[in-house]
Amino acid sequence: MAKLLLLGLLLYGGWILLRRSAPALTIDEKEARAILGVDNLADAEAIRAAHRRLVSAVHPDRGGSAELARRINAARDVLLKRRH
């Protein structure tokens, strides 16, 4: 039982380190719009809807790609930040 707990803690620690080591994505607004498939008139609601639609299709928990999900998240963040 103790070995299993130790293994779980080690795996969790490794996961935390991997999450923190991923470099930040730098994408511009044009690329972000292309990724989400929205135009320059899209409001925050349309941006969030496009994000939900895309990320649900490529989420790693559903067999998708972590990198694609990361790019979609970054695109959402860039566009929503520009709206404020």
Protein backbone atom coordinates (compact mmCIF):
# COMPACT_ATOMS: atom_id res chain seq x y z
CA MET A 1 0.00 0.00 0.00
CA ALA A 2 2.80 2.44 0.91
CA LYS A 3 4.62 1.64 -2.35
CA LEU A 4 1.50 2.44 -4.33
CA LEU A 5 1.09 5.75 -2.52
CA LEU A 6 4.74 6.62 -3.15
CA LEU A 7 4.40 5.77 -6.83
CA GLY A 8 1.32 7.97 -7.10
CA LEU A 9 3.11 10.89 -5.49
CA LEU A 10 6.10 10.49 -7.82
CA LEU A 11 3.89 10.38 -10.89
CA TYR A 12 1.95 13.42 -9.73
CA GLY A 13 5.18 15.34 -9.11
CA GLY A 14 6.43 14.47 -12.59
CA TRP A 15 3.17 15.60 -14.11
CA ILE A 16 3.42 18.96 -12.32
CA LEU A 17 6.98 19.46 -13.60
CA LEU A 18 5.96 18.65 -17.16
CA ARG A 19 3.04 21.07 -17.02
CA ARG A 20 5.25 23.90 -15.81
CA SER A 21 7.99 23.29 -18.37
CA ALA A 22 5.79 23.85 -21.43
CA PRO A 23 6.82 27.09 -23.16
CA ALA A 24 4.18 29.75 -23.62
CA LEU A 25 2.62 30.00 -27.04
CA THR A 26 2.91 33.27 -28.85
CA ILE A 27 0.28 33.65 -31.51
CA ASP A 28 -1.07 36.82 -33.02
CA GLU A 29 -4.71 37.80 -33.35
CA LYS A 30 -4.92 36.79 -37.02
CA GLU A 31 -3.66 33.29 -36.28
CA ALA A 32 -5.95 33.03 -33.25
CA ARG A 33 -8.98 33.90 -35.40
CA ALA A 34 -7.92 31.30 -37.98
CA ILE A 35 -7.53 28.62 -35.32
CA LEU A 36 -10.98 29.27 -33.84
CA GLY A 37 -12.61 30.01 -37.19
CA VAL A 38 -14.08 33.36 -36.13
CA ASP A 39 -13.99 36.72 -37.87
CA ASN A 40 -12.91 40.07 -36.49
CA LEU A 41 -16.51 40.92 -35.51
CA ALA A 42 -16.87 37.91 -33.20
CA ASP A 43 -17.91 38.81 -29.69
CA ALA A 44 -16.77 37.09 -26.49
CA GLU A 45 -19.70 34.66 -26.60
CA ALA A 46 -18.88 33.57 -30.17
CA ILE A 47 -15.21 33.14 -29.26
CA ARG A 48 -16.08 30.98 -26.25
CA ALA A 49 -18.56 28.91 -28.29
CA ALA A 50 -15.95 28.24 -31.00
CA HIS A 51 -13.42 27.33 -28.32
CA ARG A 52 -15.79 24.87 -26.60
CA ARG A 53 -16.69 23.24 -29.92
CA LEU A 54 -13.09 22.76 -30.99
CA VAL A 55 -11.51 21.82 -27.69
CA SER A 56 -14.15 19.17 -27.02
CA ALA A 57 -13.17 17.51 -30.30
CA VAL A 58 -9.41 17.49 -29.69
CA HIS A 59 -9.16 17.20 -25.90
CA PRO A 60 -6.53 14.67 -24.75
CA ASP A 61 -9.07 12.95 -22.48
CA ARG A 62 -11.01 12.04 -25.61
CA GLY A 63 -8.00 10.71 -27.49
CA GLY A 64 -7.05 14.05 -29.02
CA SER A 65 -3.83 15.99 -29.01
CA ALA A 66 -2.57 17.99 -26.05
CA GLU A 67 -0.77 20.35 -28.42
CA LEU A 68 -3.94 21.11 -30.41
CA ALA A 69 -5.88 21.74 -27.22
CA ARG A 70 -3.08 24.04 -26.06
CA ARG A 71 -3.18 26.04 -29.31
CA ILE A 72 -6.97 26.35 -29.14
CA ASN A 73 -6.75 27.55 -25.52
CA ALA A 74 -4.07 30.08 -26.47
CA ALA A 75 -6.20 31.37 -29.35
CA ARG A 76 -9.16 31.87 -27.01
CA ASP A 77 -6.98 33.69 -24.50
CA VAL A 78 -5.51 36.04 -27.13
CA LEU A 79 -8.90 36.97 -28.56
CA LEU A 80 -10.62 37.43 -25.22
CA LYS A 81 -7.73 39.54 -23.92
CA ARG A 82 -8.04 41.84 -26.96
CA ARG A 83 -11.74 42.31 -26.27
CA HIS A 84 -11.08 43.92 -22.88
